[in-house]
Amino acid sequence: MAQPAAVRPGGGGRSGQGAGLLLIRVAVGVFLLFQGIEKLSWLLDAGPLAGRFADWLKTATPASRWYLERLLPATPLFARLVPLGEICAGVALVLGFWTRLVAGLAFLIVLNYQVADGAILRYSFVTQPNALPVLGALLGLAIGGSRLPLSLSK
């Protein structure tokens, strides 16, 4: 029976995992923060989001069309929630505040976008930098992002 390898300080192991997740947490946090800043104009005008929904409907699969039709009535609400959610999630991840909860909620925000856009059902989903890598990083943080170095909450 194989014995587990000893964890040496500075030799990888748990400290290396924590440092790796810290880098992912900060990088995804900065990404979400700037995604939200890009959408700040949505707070005053839901038109850009309504335009995106209309564009997505033109090429939507039946599943995406069904989903979009449920989102359309709440476009003004989502136009305000999306930038605020992305900015708050980004700041919380950068600071390490409630990492697992915030990463789980941010995962749902990004997943919602991917389903509404219909991207999750296309091959390009696995090659887009804001799709599978971001979802994977957020899910990884939601699962294992507790007690990371340089976090406000442990």
N, C-alpha and C. Protein backbone atom coordinates (compact mmCIF):
# COMPACT_ATOMS: atom_id res chain seq x y z
N MET A 1 0.85 -1.18 0.00
CA MET A 1 0.00 0.00 0.00
C MET A 1 0.89 1.23 0.00
N ALA A 2 0.62 2.16 -0.92
CA ALA A 2 1.45 3.36 -1.05
C ALA A 2 1.14 4.35 0.06
N GLN A 3 2.20 4.96 0.55
CA GLN A 3 2.05 5.99 1.58
C GLN A 3 1.92 7.34 0.91
N PRO A 4 1.07 8.26 1.44
CA PRO A 4 0.95 9.59 0.85
C PRO A 4 2.27 10.35 1.02
N ALA A 5 2.58 11.15 0.04
CA ALA A 5 3.80 11.95 0.09
C ALA A 5 3.68 13.00 1.18
N ALA A 6 4.78 13.24 1.87
CA ALA A 6 4.79 14.26 2.91
C ALA A 6 4.70 15.64 2.28
N VAL A 7 4.01 16.54 2.96
CA VAL A 7 3.89 17.92 2.47
C VAL A 7 5.01 18.72 3.10
N ARG A 8 5.90 19.22 2.25
CA ARG A 8 7.02 20.01 2.73
C ARG A 8 6.71 21.48 2.56
N PRO A 9 7.10 22.33 3.53
CA PRO A 9 6.89 23.76 3.36
C PRO A 9 7.61 24.25 2.11
N GLY A 10 6.89 25.00 1.29
CA GLY A 10 7.48 25.55 0.07
C GLY A 10 7.68 24.53 -1.03
N GLY A 11 7.30 23.28 -0.79
CA GLY A 11 7.52 22.24 -1.78
C GLY A 11 6.25 21.84 -2.51
N GLY A 12 5.32 22.74 -2.64
CA GLY A 12 4.07 22.43 -3.31
C GLY A 12 3.04 22.05 -2.27
N GLY A 13 2.39 20.94 -2.44
CA GLY A 13 1.39 20.48 -1.49
C GLY A 13 0.31 21.51 -1.27
N ARG A 14 -0.17 21.60 -0.05
CA ARG A 14 -1.28 22.49 0.27
C ARG A 14 -0.93 23.96 0.09
N SER A 15 0.28 24.36 0.41
CA SER A 15 0.64 25.78 0.25
C SER A 15 0.67 26.16 -1.23
N GLY A 16 1.12 25.25 -2.07
CA GLY A 16 1.11 25.49 -3.50
C GLY A 16 -0.30 25.54 -4.06
N GLN A 17 -1.17 24.68 -3.55
CA GLN A 17 -2.56 24.69 -3.99
C GLN A 17 -3.23 26.00 -3.59
N GLY A 18 -2.96 26.44 -2.37
CA GLY A 18 -3.53 27.70 -1.90
C GLY A 18 -3.05 28.88 -2.74
N ALA A 19 -1.78 28.89 -3.07
CA ALA A 19 -1.24 29.97 -3.89
C ALA A 19 -1.83 29.93 -5.30
N GLY A 20 -2.01 28.74 -5.84
CA GLY A 20 -2.61 28.61 -7.17
C GLY A 20 -4.05 29.09 -7.19
N LEU A 21 -4.82 28.68 -6.19
CA LEU A 21 -6.21 29.12 -6.11
C LEU A 21 -6.30 30.63 -5.84
N LEU A 22 -5.34 31.16 -5.08
CA LEU A 22 -5.29 32.60 -4.84
C LEU A 22 -5.12 33.34 -6.17
N LEU A 23 -4.20 32.87 -6.99
CA LEU A 23 -4.00 33.52 -8.30
C LEU A 23 -5.25 33.43 -9.16
N ILE A 24 -5.90 32.29 -9.17
CA ILE A 24 -7.14 32.13 -9.94
C ILE A 24 -8.22 33.06 -9.38
N ARG A 25 -8.34 33.11 -8.06
CA ARG A 25 -9.35 33.96 -7.43
C ARG A 25 -9.17 35.42 -7.82
N VAL A 26 -7.94 35.91 -7.75
CA VAL A 26 -7.68 37.32 -8.08
C VAL A 26 -7.88 37.57 -9.58
N ALA A 27 -7.38 36.67 -10.42
CA ALA A 27 -7.51 36.87 -11.87
C ALA A 27 -8.97 36.88 -12.31
N VAL A 28 -9.77 35.93 -11.82
CA VAL A 28 -11.18 35.89 -12.18
C VAL A 28 -11.91 37.08 -11.57
N GLY A 29 -11.51 37.47 -10.38
CA GLY A 29 -12.11 38.66 -9.75
C GLY A 29 -11.87 39.92 -10.57
N VAL A 30 -10.65 40.11 -11.04
CA VAL A 30 -10.34 41.27 -11.88
C VAL A 30 -11.13 41.20 -13.18
N PHE A 31 -11.21 40.00 -13.78
CA PHE A 31 -11.99 39.81 -15.01
C PHE A 31 -13.44 40.23 -14.79
N LEU A 32 -14.08 39.73 -13.73
CA LEU A 32 -15.47 40.06 -13.47
C LEU A 32 -15.65 41.54 -13.17
N LEU A 33 -14.73 42.11 -12.42
CA LEU A 33 -14.80 43.53 -12.09
C LEU A 33 -14.83 44.37 -13.37
N PHE A 34 -13.94 44.10 -14.28
CA PHE A 34 -13.88 44.89 -15.51
C PHE A 34 -15.03 44.56 -16.47
N GLN A 35 -15.55 43.33 -16.43
CA GLN A 35 -16.75 43.03 -17.20
C GLN A 35 -17.92 43.88 -16.69
N GLY A 36 -18.03 44.02 -15.38
CA GLY A 36 -19.09 44.84 -14.80
C GLY A 36 -18.91 46.32 -15.09
N ILE A 37 -17.68 46.80 -15.01
CA ILE A 37 -17.41 48.21 -15.31
C ILE A 37 -17.78 48.53 -16.75
N GLU A 38 -17.51 47.59 -17.65
CA GLU A 38 -17.87 47.76 -19.06
C GLU A 38 -19.37 47.94 -19.26
N LYS A 39 -20.16 47.40 -18.34
CA LYS A 39 -21.62 47.43 -18.47
C LYS A 39 -22.28 48.47 -17.57
N LEU A 40 -21.53 49.38 -17.00
CA LEU A 40 -22.11 50.37 -16.09
C LEU A 40 -23.20 51.21 -16.75
N SER A 41 -23.10 51.45 -18.04
CA SER A 41 -24.12 52.24 -18.73
C SER A 41 -25.49 51.56 -18.69
N TRP A 42 -25.51 50.24 -18.48
CA TRP A 42 -26.77 49.51 -18.40
C TRP A 42 -27.62 49.96 -17.21
N LEU A 43 -26.97 50.55 -16.20
CA LEU A 43 -27.72 51.00 -15.03
C LEU A 43 -28.74 52.08 -15.42
N LEU A 44 -28.43 52.87 -16.44
CA LEU A 44 -29.31 53.95 -16.87
C LEU A 44 -30.10 53.60 -18.12
N ASP A 45 -29.65 52.60 -18.87
CA ASP A 45 -30.28 52.28 -20.14
C ASP A 45 -30.23 50.77 -20.37
N ALA A 46 -31.39 50.13 -20.39
CA ALA A 46 -31.46 48.69 -20.62
C ALA A 46 -31.35 48.35 -22.10
N GLY A 47 -31.28 49.34 -22.97
CA GLY A 47 -31.24 49.12 -24.41
C GLY A 47 -30.13 48.19 -24.88
N PRO A 48 -28.90 48.38 -24.40
CA PRO A 48 -27.83 47.47 -24.86
C PRO A 48 -28.12 45.99 -24.55
N LEU A 49 -28.66 45.71 -23.39
CA LEU A 49 -28.99 44.32 -23.06
C LEU A 49 -30.17 43.84 -23.90
N ALA A 50 -31.16 44.68 -24.10
CA ALA A 50 -32.30 44.32 -24.94
C ALA A 50 -31.81 44.03 -26.37
N GLY A 51 -30.84 44.81 -26.84
CA GLY A 51 -30.27 44.57 -28.17
C GLY A 51 -29.56 43.23 -28.25
N ARG A 52 -28.82 42.90 -27.20
CA ARG A 52 -28.15 41.58 -27.17
C ARG A 52 -29.16 40.45 -27.22
N PHE A 53 -30.21 40.59 -26.40
CA PHE A 53 -31.25 39.56 -26.39
C PHE A 53 -31.87 39.41 -27.78
N ALA A 54 -32.14 40.53 -28.44
CA ALA A 54 -32.73 40.49 -29.79
C ALA A 54 -31.78 39.80 -30.78
N ASP A 55 -30.48 40.11 -30.69
CA ASP A 55 -29.50 39.47 -31.57
C ASP A 55 -29.43 37.97 -31.30
N TRP A 56 -29.44 37.59 -30.04
CA TRP A 56 -29.36 36.18 -29.69
C TRP A 56 -30.59 35.42 -30.17
N LEU A 57 -31.77 36.08 -30.11
CA LEU A 57 -33.00 35.43 -30.55
C LEU A 57 -32.97 35.07 -32.04
N LYS A 58 -32.25 35.87 -32.83
CA LYS A 58 -32.19 35.64 -34.28
C LYS A 58 -31.60 34.28 -34.63
N THR A 59 -30.63 33.83 -33.84
CA THR A 59 -29.94 32.57 -34.14
C THR A 59 -30.11 31.53 -33.02
N ALA A 60 -31.07 31.76 -32.15
CA ALA A 60 -31.22 30.91 -30.97
C ALA A 60 -31.71 29.51 -31.33
N THR A 61 -31.16 28.55 -30.62
CA THR A 61 -31.68 27.18 -30.70
C THR A 61 -33.02 27.17 -29.95
N PRO A 62 -33.82 26.15 -30.12
CA PRO A 62 -35.10 26.12 -29.40
C PRO A 62 -34.95 26.26 -27.88
N ALA A 63 -33.94 25.62 -27.31
CA ALA A 63 -33.73 25.71 -25.86
C ALA A 63 -33.36 27.14 -25.45
N SER A 64 -32.46 27.75 -26.20
CA SER A 64 -32.06 29.13 -25.88
C SER A 64 -33.22 30.09 -26.11
N ARG A 65 -33.98 29.87 -27.17
CA ARG A 65 -35.14 30.74 -27.44
C ARG A 65 -36.13 30.68 -26.27
N TRP A 66 -36.42 29.46 -25.79
CA TRP A 66 -37.33 29.30 -24.67
C TRP A 66 -36.80 30.07 -23.45
N TYR A 67 -35.50 29.95 -23.18
CA TYR A 67 -34.89 30.63 -22.04
C TYR A 67 -34.95 32.15 -22.21
N LEU A 68 -34.59 32.63 -23.39
CA LEU A 68 -34.61 34.07 -23.65
C LEU A 68 -36.02 34.65 -23.53
N GLU A 69 -36.99 33.92 -23.99
CA GLU A 69 -38.37 34.41 -23.90
C GLU A 69 -38.81 34.58 -22.45
N ARG A 70 -38.23 33.82 -21.55
CA ARG A 70 -38.53 33.99 -20.12
C ARG A 70 -37.76 35.16 -19.53
N LEU A 71 -36.60 35.48 -20.09
CA LEU A 71 -35.80 36.59 -19.58
C LEU A 71 -36.27 37.95 -20.08
N LEU A 72 -36.83 38.00 -21.29
CA LEU A 72 -37.18 39.27 -21.93
C LEU A 72 -38.03 40.21 -21.06
N PRO A 73 -39.07 39.73 -20.40
CA PRO A 73 -39.88 40.66 -19.60
C PRO A 73 -39.08 41.34 -18.47
N ALA A 74 -38.04 40.71 -18.01
CA ALA A 74 -37.25 41.26 -16.90
C ALA A 74 -35.97 41.95 -17.37
N THR A 75 -35.90 42.31 -18.64
CA THR A 75 -34.69 42.94 -19.18
C THR A 75 -34.26 44.17 -18.38
N PRO A 76 -35.16 45.10 -18.02
CA PRO A 76 -34.71 46.26 -17.24
C PRO A 76 -34.10 45.87 -15.88
N LEU A 77 -34.64 44.85 -15.26
CA LEU A 77 -34.09 44.39 -13.99
C LEU A 77 -32.71 43.77 -14.18
N PHE A 78 -32.57 42.89 -15.17
CA PHE A 78 -31.28 42.25 -15.43
C PHE A 78 -30.23 43.26 -15.87
N ALA A 79 -30.64 44.31 -16.57
CA ALA A 79 -29.70 45.34 -17.00
C ALA A 79 -29.05 46.04 -15.82
N ARG A 80 -29.71 46.03 -14.69
CA ARG A 80 -29.14 46.63 -13.49
C ARG A 80 -28.42 45.60 -12.62
N LEU A 81 -28.97 44.39 -12.57
CA LEU A 81 -28.37 43.36 -11.72
C LEU A 81 -27.04 42.83 -12.27
N VAL A 82 -26.92 42.70 -13.58
CA VAL A 82 -25.71 42.10 -14.16
C VAL A 82 -24.46 42.92 -13.85
N PRO A 83 -24.44 44.24 -14.16
CA PRO A 83 -23.20 44.97 -13.84
C PRO A 83 -22.93 45.04 -12.34
N LEU A 84 -23.97 45.21 -11.54
CA LEU A 84 -23.76 45.25 -10.08
C LEU A 84 -23.26 43.91 -9.57
N GLY A 85 -23.83 42.82 -10.07
CA GLY A 85 -23.39 41.49 -9.65
C GLY A 85 -21.95 41.21 -10.05
N GLU A 86 -21.59 41.59 -11.27
CA GLU A 86 -20.22 41.35 -11.73
C GLU A 86 -19.22 42.20 -10.95
N ILE A 87 -19.55 43.45 -10.69
CA ILE A 87 -18.64 44.32 -9.95
C ILE A 87 -18.49 43.83 -8.51
N CYS A 88 -19.60 43.54 -7.86
CA CYS A 88 -19.54 43.07 -6.47
C CYS A 88 -18.80 41.73 -6.36
N ALA A 89 -19.09 40.82 -7.28
CA ALA A 89 -18.40 39.52 -7.26
C ALA A 89 -16.91 39.72 -7.52
N GLY A 90 -16.56 40.58 -8.46
CA GLY A 90 -15.15 40.84 -8.76
C GLY A 90 -14.40 41.38 -7.57
N VAL A 91 -14.98 42.38 -6.91
CA VAL A 91 -14.34 42.97 -5.74
C VAL A 91 -14.21 41.94 -4.62
N ALA A 92 -15.28 41.19 -4.38
CA ALA A 92 -15.26 40.18 -3.32
C ALA A 92 -14.20 39.11 -3.59
N LEU A 93 -14.06 38.70 -4.84
CA LEU A 93 -13.05 37.69 -5.15
C LEU A 93 -11.64 38.25 -5.02
N VAL A 94 -11.42 39.47 -5.49
CA VAL A 94 -10.09 40.07 -5.36
C VAL A 94 -9.70 40.18 -3.89
N LEU A 95 -10.66 40.56 -3.04
CA LEU A 95 -10.37 40.72 -1.62
C LEU A 95 -10.43 39.41 -0.84
N GLY A 96 -10.99 38.38 -1.44
CA GLY A 96 -11.10 37.09 -0.75
C GLY A 96 -12.20 37.08 0.28
N PHE A 97 -13.28 37.76 -0.02
CA PHE A 97 -14.41 37.87 0.91
C PHE A 97 -15.49 36.87 0.51
N TRP A 98 -15.76 35.89 1.35
CA TRP A 98 -16.77 34.86 1.11
C TRP A 98 -16.53 34.19 -0.25
N THR A 99 -15.32 33.76 -0.48
CA THR A 99 -14.90 33.27 -1.79
C THR A 99 -15.80 32.16 -2.33
N ARG A 100 -16.08 31.16 -1.53
CA ARG A 100 -16.85 30.03 -2.05
C ARG A 100 -18.27 30.45 -2.45
N LEU A 101 -18.94 31.22 -1.61
CA LEU A 101 -20.30 31.67 -1.90
C LEU A 101 -20.31 32.59 -3.13
N VAL A 102 -19.41 33.55 -3.15
CA VAL A 102 -19.35 34.51 -4.26
C VAL A 102 -19.00 33.79 -5.56
N ALA A 103 -18.06 32.87 -5.52
CA ALA A 103 -17.69 32.14 -6.73
C ALA A 103 -18.87 31.31 -7.24
N GLY A 104 -19.62 30.71 -6.34
CA GLY A 104 -20.81 29.95 -6.74
C GLY A 104 -21.86 30.84 -7.39
N LEU A 105 -22.10 32.01 -6.83
CA LEU A 105 -23.06 32.94 -7.42
C LEU A 105 -22.56 33.48 -8.75
N ALA A 106 -21.28 33.80 -8.83
CA ALA A 106 -20.70 34.28 -10.09
C ALA A 106 -20.76 33.19 -11.15
N PHE A 107 -20.56 31.94 -10.75
CA PHE A 107 -20.71 30.82 -11.68
C PHE A 107 -22.11 30.83 -12.30
N LEU A 108 -23.12 31.06 -11.48
CA LEU A 108 -24.50 31.10 -11.99
C LEU A 108 -24.72 32.28 -12.92
N ILE A 109 -24.11 33.43 -12.63
CA ILE A 109 -24.22 34.60 -13.51
C ILE A 109 -23.63 34.28 -14.88
N VAL A 110 -22.42 33.72 -14.90
CA VAL A 110 -21.74 33.42 -16.16
C VAL A 110 -22.48 32.30 -16.90
N LEU A 111 -22.93 31.30 -16.18
CA LEU A 111 -23.68 30.21 -16.80
C LEU A 111 -24.97 30.74 -17.44
N ASN A 112 -25.65 31.65 -16.75
CA ASN A 112 -26.86 32.26 -17.28
C ASN A 112 -26.58 32.93 -18.62
N TYR A 113 -25.48 33.66 -18.69
CA TYR A 113 -25.09 34.33 -19.94
C TYR A 113 -24.84 33.30 -21.05
N GLN A 114 -24.12 32.24 -20.71
CA GLN A 114 -23.78 31.22 -21.72
C GLN A 114 -25.02 30.49 -22.23
N VAL A 115 -25.99 30.24 -21.36
CA VAL A 115 -27.22 29.57 -21.78
C VAL A 115 -28.07 30.52 -22.62
N ALA A 116 -28.22 31.78 -22.18
CA ALA A 116 -29.02 32.75 -22.93
C ALA A 116 -28.44 33.00 -24.31
N ASP A 117 -27.13 33.10 -24.40
CA ASP A 117 -26.45 33.33 -25.67
C ASP A 117 -26.50 32.09 -26.56
N GLY A 118 -26.73 30.94 -25.97
CA GLY A 118 -26.72 29.69 -26.72
C GLY A 118 -25.31 29.15 -26.93
N ALA A 119 -24.33 29.83 -26.37
CA ALA A 119 -22.93 29.44 -26.56
C ALA A 119 -22.64 28.07 -25.97
N ILE A 120 -23.29 27.73 -24.90
CA ILE A 120 -23.00 26.48 -24.20
C ILE A 120 -23.32 25.26 -25.08
N LEU A 121 -24.12 25.48 -26.12
CA LEU A 121 -24.51 24.38 -27.01
C LEU A 121 -23.68 24.35 -28.29
N ARG A 122 -22.65 25.20 -28.37
CA ARG A 122 -21.81 25.25 -29.58
C ARG A 122 -20.38 24.82 -29.26
N TYR A 123 -19.69 24.37 -30.30
CA TYR A 123 -18.29 23.97 -30.14
C TYR A 123 -17.44 25.13 -29.64
N SER A 124 -17.74 26.34 -30.08
CA SER A 124 -16.94 27.50 -29.68
C SER A 124 -16.93 27.72 -28.17
N PHE A 125 -17.89 27.10 -27.47
CA PHE A 125 -17.94 27.23 -26.01
C PHE A 125 -16.62 26.80 -25.36
N VAL A 126 -16.01 25.76 -25.89
CA VAL A 126 -14.78 25.25 -25.29
C VAL A 126 -13.55 26.05 -25.70
N THR A 127 -13.68 26.93 -26.71
CA THR A 127 -12.53 27.70 -27.17
C THR A 127 -12.62 29.18 -26.80
N GLN A 128 -13.75 29.63 -26.32
CA GLN A 128 -13.90 31.04 -25.94
C GLN A 128 -13.25 31.29 -24.57
N PRO A 129 -12.45 32.35 -24.46
CA PRO A 129 -11.77 32.59 -23.18
C PRO A 129 -12.71 32.99 -22.04
N ASN A 130 -13.90 33.47 -22.35
CA ASN A 130 -14.82 33.87 -21.27
C ASN A 130 -15.90 32.82 -21.02
N ALA A 131 -15.68 31.61 -21.50
CA ALA A 131 -16.68 30.56 -21.33
C ALA A 131 -16.17 29.47 -20.39
N LEU A 132 -15.73 28.38 -20.93
CA LEU A 132 -15.33 27.23 -20.12
C LEU A 132 -14.23 27.56 -19.10
N PRO A 133 -13.18 28.32 -19.46
CA PRO A 133 -12.16 28.62 -18.45
C PRO A 133 -12.70 29.41 -17.26
N VAL A 134 -13.58 30.37 -17.52
CA VAL A 134 -14.14 31.17 -16.42
C VAL A 134 -15.08 30.32 -15.58
N LEU A 135 -15.94 29.56 -16.23
CA LEU A 135 -16.84 28.67 -15.49
C LEU A 135 -16.05 27.65 -14.66
N GLY A 136 -15.02 27.07 -15.26
CA GLY A 136 -14.20 26.10 -14.53
C GLY A 136 -13.50 26.72 -13.34
N ALA A 137 -12.95 27.91 -13.52
CA ALA A 137 -12.26 28.59 -12.42
C ALA A 137 -13.24 28.93 -11.29
N LEU A 138 -14.41 29.43 -11.65
CA LEU A 138 -15.41 29.78 -10.63
C LEU A 138 -15.91 28.54 -9.89
N LEU A 139 -16.15 27.47 -10.62
CA LEU A 139 -16.60 26.24 -9.97
C LEU A 139 -15.51 25.68 -9.07
N GLY A 140 -14.26 25.73 -9.52
CA GLY A 140 -13.15 25.29 -8.68
C GLY A 140 -13.05 26.10 -7.40
N LEU A 141 -13.24 27.41 -7.51
CA LEU A 141 -13.21 28.27 -6.31
C LEU A 141 -14.41 28.01 -5.41
N ALA A 142 -15.57 27.74 -6.01
CA ALA A 142 -16.75 27.45 -5.20
C ALA A 142 -16.57 26.15 -4.41
N ILE A 143 -15.84 25.21 -4.99
CA ILE A 143 -15.62 23.93 -4.32
C ILE A 143 -14.47 24.00 -3.33
N GLY A 144 -13.34 24.58 -3.73
CA GLY A 144 -12.15 24.51 -2.89
C GLY A 144 -11.55 25.85 -2.51
N GLY A 145 -12.32 26.91 -2.57
CA GLY A 145 -11.76 28.24 -2.34
C GLY A 145 -11.80 28.77 -0.92
N SER A 146 -11.95 27.89 0.06
CA SER A 146 -11.98 28.39 1.44
C SER A 146 -10.57 28.44 2.03
N ARG A 147 -10.37 29.34 2.93
CA ARG A 147 -9.11 29.49 3.68
C ARG A 147 -7.90 29.70 2.77
N LEU A 148 -8.07 30.52 1.76
CA LEU A 148 -6.95 30.83 0.87
C LEU A 148 -6.10 31.93 1.49
N PRO A 149 -4.82 31.99 1.12
CA PRO A 149 -3.98 33.06 1.62
C PRO A 149 -4.53 34.42 1.17
N LEU A 150 -4.26 35.45 1.95
CA LEU A 150 -4.63 36.82 1.66
C LEU A 150 -6.13 37.00 1.46
N SER A 151 -6.93 36.33 2.27
CA SER A 151 -8.39 36.46 2.21
C SER A 151 -8.86 37.27 3.40
N LEU A 152 -9.90 38.09 3.19
CA LEU A 152 -10.48 38.83 4.30
C LEU A 152 -11.27 37.92 5.21
N SER A 153 -11.89 36.91 4.65
CA SER A 153 -12.64 35.97 5.48
C SER A 153 -12.01 34.60 5.33
N LYS A 154 -11.85 33.91 6.41
CA LYS A 154 -11.22 32.59 6.42
C LYS A 154 -12.24 31.51 6.61
